[in-house]
């Protein structure tokens, strides 16, 4: 009621975040992400806004709402990317966008996303994400370079051929009792 009656009141702002946190605690992630998104969009300067938006991104990813997750990720990068204080968080959000494209089998976007991540945010995101981004790009390029479907990651074609040499069966003579 407070949010509806007095939307600009400071307690209304806090209530919106806390309602999202309550749905979060109840594991009702779709509702939690709705409140977190509303809070972070309406009050991007609040202290809890980056956390709220990051939670919303994770919940949208978990629910398979990739378009909403991408929208939230772009908003996070726009609002908090330029701030030094949020560099590692922004790097994590930017990196997660590559996983969204992977789940949608958009391989060109995956390569571009991880390449951009390495250029813009790699140093802020940690060595583990840098290595993983390089590996993912390499795997996609490897699969593309192979003209056939790979067999357990190897670019080989398994073809069984019959022997040209006849195999003679040796029969055993039965010894009878005389």
Protein backbone atom coordinates (compact mmCIF):
# COMPACT_ATOMS: atom_id res chain seq x y z
CA UNK A 1 0.00 0.00 0.00
CA UNK A 2 2.82 2.37 0.85
CA UNK A 3 4.39 1.80 -2.58
CA UNK A 4 1.06 2.64 -4.29
CA UNK A 5 0.09 5.61 -2.11
CA UNK A 6 3.48 7.31 -1.72
CA UNK A 7 5.83 5.87 -4.36
CA UNK A 8 8.50 8.55 -3.85
CA UNK A 9 8.71 8.26 -0.09
CA UNK A 10 12.07 6.86 1.17
CA UNK A 11 10.25 4.13 3.12
CA UNK A 12 8.45 3.15 -0.08
CA UNK A 13 11.81 2.65 -1.78
CA UNK A 14 13.01 0.50 1.08
CA UNK A 15 9.73 -1.46 1.08
CA UNK A 16 10.10 -2.31 -2.61
CA UNK A 17 13.55 -3.77 -2.02
CA UNK A 18 12.43 -5.62 1.12
CA UNK A 19 9.43 -7.18 -0.65
CA UNK A 20 11.83 -8.47 -3.29
CA UNK A 21 14.08 -9.78 -0.52
CA UNK A 22 11.11 -11.53 1.11
CA UNK A 23 10.15 -13.27 -2.13
CA UNK A 24 13.82 -14.15 -2.51
CA UNK A 25 13.84 -15.75 0.95
CA UNK A 26 10.66 -17.65 0.11
CA UNK A 27 12.35 -18.94 -3.09
CA UNK A 28 9.66 -17.35 -5.26
CA UNK A 29 12.31 -16.09 -7.65
CA UNK A 30 10.05 -14.83 -10.44
CA UNK A 31 8.28 -12.45 -8.04
CA UNK A 32 11.55 -11.50 -6.36
CA UNK A 33 13.10 -10.58 -9.69
CA UNK A 34 10.07 -8.41 -10.56
CA UNK A 35 10.46 -6.36 -7.38
CA UNK A 36 14.23 -6.22 -7.66
CA UNK A 37 13.93 -4.99 -11.26
CA UNK A 38 11.37 -2.34 -10.31
CA UNK A 39 13.54 -1.17 -7.43
CA UNK A 40 16.79 -1.05 -9.44
CA UNK A 41 15.13 0.67 -12.40
CA UNK A 42 13.29 3.28 -10.36
CA UNK A 43 16.04 3.94 -7.80
CA UNK A 44 19.39 3.16 -9.48
CA UNK A 45 21.30 5.39 -7.06
CA UNK A 46 20.29 3.49 -3.94
CA UNK A 47 22.92 1.40 -2.18
CA UNK A 48 21.01 -1.87 -2.66
CA UNK A 49 20.20 -1.30 -6.36
CA UNK A 50 23.26 -3.09 -7.81
CA UNK A 51 22.66 -6.11 -5.59
CA UNK A 52 18.96 -6.14 -6.49
CA UNK A 53 19.67 -5.99 -10.20
CA UNK A 54 22.36 -8.67 -9.98
CA UNK A 55 19.92 -10.97 -8.13
CA UNK A 56 17.28 -10.31 -10.78
CA UNK A 57 19.77 -11.30 -13.49
CA UNK A 58 20.59 -14.58 -11.75
CA UNK A 59 16.91 -15.41 -11.20
CA UNK A 60 16.02 -14.63 -14.82
CA UNK A 61 18.87 -16.84 -16.01
CA UNK A 62 17.69 -19.67 -13.77
CA UNK A 63 14.14 -19.35 -15.09
CA UNK A 64 15.32 -19.31 -18.70
CA UNK A 65 14.04 -15.75 -19.27
CA UNK A 66 17.08 -14.87 -21.36
CA UNK A 67 15.65 -11.71 -22.93
CA UNK A 68 14.87 -10.25 -19.51
CA UNK A 69 18.28 -11.34 -18.20
CA UNK A 70 20.00 -9.60 -21.13
CA UNK A 71 17.91 -6.47 -20.57
CA UNK A 72 18.86 -6.44 -16.89
CA UNK A 73 22.52 -7.07 -17.73
CA UNK A 74 22.60 -4.14 -20.14
CA UNK A 75 20.99 -1.92 -17.51
CA UNK A 76 23.56 -3.03 -14.92
CA UNK A 77 26.45 -2.30 -17.28
CA UNK A 78 24.97 1.09 -18.20
CA UNK A 79 24.31 2.14 -14.59
CA UNK A 80 27.29 0.65 -12.78
CA UNK A 81 29.90 -0.26 -15.41
CA UNK A 82 31.63 3.11 -15.44
CA UNK A 83 31.99 3.09 -11.65
CA UNK A 84 35.27 1.68 -10.41
CA UNK A 85 33.60 0.41 -7.27
CA UNK A 86 31.51 -2.04 -9.32
CA UNK A 87 34.15 -3.16 -11.83
CA UNK A 88 34.30 -6.80 -10.67
CA UNK A 89 30.50 -7.07 -10.47
CA UNK A 90 30.13 -5.56 -13.94
CA UNK A 91 32.73 -7.99 -15.25
CA UNK A 92 30.73 -10.91 -13.83
CA UNK A 93 27.51 -9.61 -15.40
CA UNK A 94 29.21 -9.04 -18.76
CA UNK A 95 30.67 -12.55 -18.63
CA UNK A 96 27.28 -14.10 -17.84
CA UNK A 97 25.87 -12.62 -21.05
CA UNK A 98 28.08 -15.07 -22.95
CA UNK A 99 26.36 -17.97 -21.18
CA UNK A 100 22.99 -16.60 -22.28
CA UNK A 101 24.09 -16.68 -25.92
CA UNK A 102 25.52 -20.16 -25.44
CA UNK A 103 22.18 -21.46 -24.16
CA UNK A 104 20.54 -20.02 -27.26
CA UNK A 105 23.18 -21.56 -29.61
CA UNK A 106 24.10 -18.12 -30.95
CA UNK A 107 27.76 -18.95 -31.55
CA UNK A 108 28.73 -15.71 -33.32
CA UNK A 109 27.41 -13.70 -30.38
CA UNK A 110 29.21 -16.02 -27.93
CA UNK A 111 32.54 -15.39 -29.64
CA UNK A 112 31.91 -11.65 -29.80
CA UNK A 113 30.71 -11.46 -26.18
CA UNK A 114 33.67 -13.36 -24.73
CA UNK A 115 36.10 -11.47 -26.98
CA UNK A 116 34.67 -8.15 -25.80
CA UNK A 117 34.72 -9.41 -22.22
CA UNK A 118 38.43 -10.18 -22.50
CA UNK A 119 39.18 -6.73 -23.94
CA UNK A 120 36.98 -4.61 -21.67
CA UNK A 121 36.47 -6.53 -18.42
CA UNK A 122 38.86 -9.49 -18.32
CA UNK A 123 41.30 -7.89 -15.90
CA UNK A 124 38.46 -7.14 -13.46
CA UNK A 125 36.75 -10.52 -13.63
CA UNK A 126 39.54 -12.80 -12.51
CA UNK A 127 41.91 -15.20 -14.16
CA UNK A 128 39.45 -18.10 -14.06
CA UNK A 129 36.93 -16.26 -16.25
CA UNK A 130 39.69 -15.12 -18.62
CA UNK A 131 40.84 -18.70 -19.14
CA UNK A 132 37.29 -19.97 -19.54
CA UNK A 133 36.48 -17.27 -22.11
CA UNK A 134 39.56 -18.22 -24.15
CA UNK A 135 38.64 -21.91 -23.94
CA UNK A 136 35.03 -21.31 -25.02
CA UNK A 137 36.14 -19.24 -28.01
CA UNK A 138 38.69 -21.93 -28.90
CA UNK A 139 36.14 -24.76 -28.64
CA UNK A 140 33.70 -22.98 -30.93
CA UNK A 141 36.43 -22.24 -33.47
CA UNK A 142 37.61 -25.86 -33.26
CA UNK A 143 34.13 -27.21 -33.96
CA UNK A 144 33.75 -24.81 -36.87
CA UNK A 145 37.04 -25.84 -38.42
CA UNK A 146 36.06 -29.51 -38.54
CA UNK A 147 34.12 -30.44 -41.69
CA UNK A 148 32.41 -33.35 -39.94
CA UNK A 149 30.63 -33.81 -36.64
CA UNK A 150 33.28 -34.24 -33.98
CA UNK A 151 33.61 -37.49 -32.09
CA UNK A 152 34.15 -36.72 -28.41
CA UNK A 153 35.87 -33.45 -29.30
CA UNK A 154 38.20 -34.98 -31.89
CA UNK A 155 37.90 -34.07 -35.55
CA UNK A 156 37.95 -37.63 -36.83
CA UNK A 157 35.61 -39.84 -38.74
CA UNK A 158 35.31 -43.41 -37.58
CA UNK A 159 34.70 -45.75 -40.50
CA UNK A 160 34.65 -49.49 -40.17
CA UNK A 161 35.96 -51.42 -43.17
CA UNK A 162 35.86 -55.11 -43.90
CA UNK A 163 39.05 -56.95 -44.24
CA UNK A 164 40.05 -57.81 -47.80
CA UNK A 165 41.72 -60.94 -46.61
CA UNK A 166 39.52 -63.92 -46.09
CA UNK A 167 39.62 -65.37 -42.65
CA UNK A 168 39.73 -69.14 -42.67
CA UNK A 169 38.01 -70.97 -39.93
CA UNK A 170 40.01 -73.84 -38.66
CA UNK A 171 37.82 -76.72 -37.84
CA UNK A 172 38.82 -79.25 -35.24
CA UNK A 173 38.51 -82.88 -36.07
CA UNK A 174 36.49 -84.77 -33.61
CA UNK A 175 38.17 -87.76 -32.17
CA UNK A 176 35.79 -90.52 -31.67
CA UNK A 177 36.12 -93.60 -29.50
CA UNK A 178 36.77 -96.64 -31.56
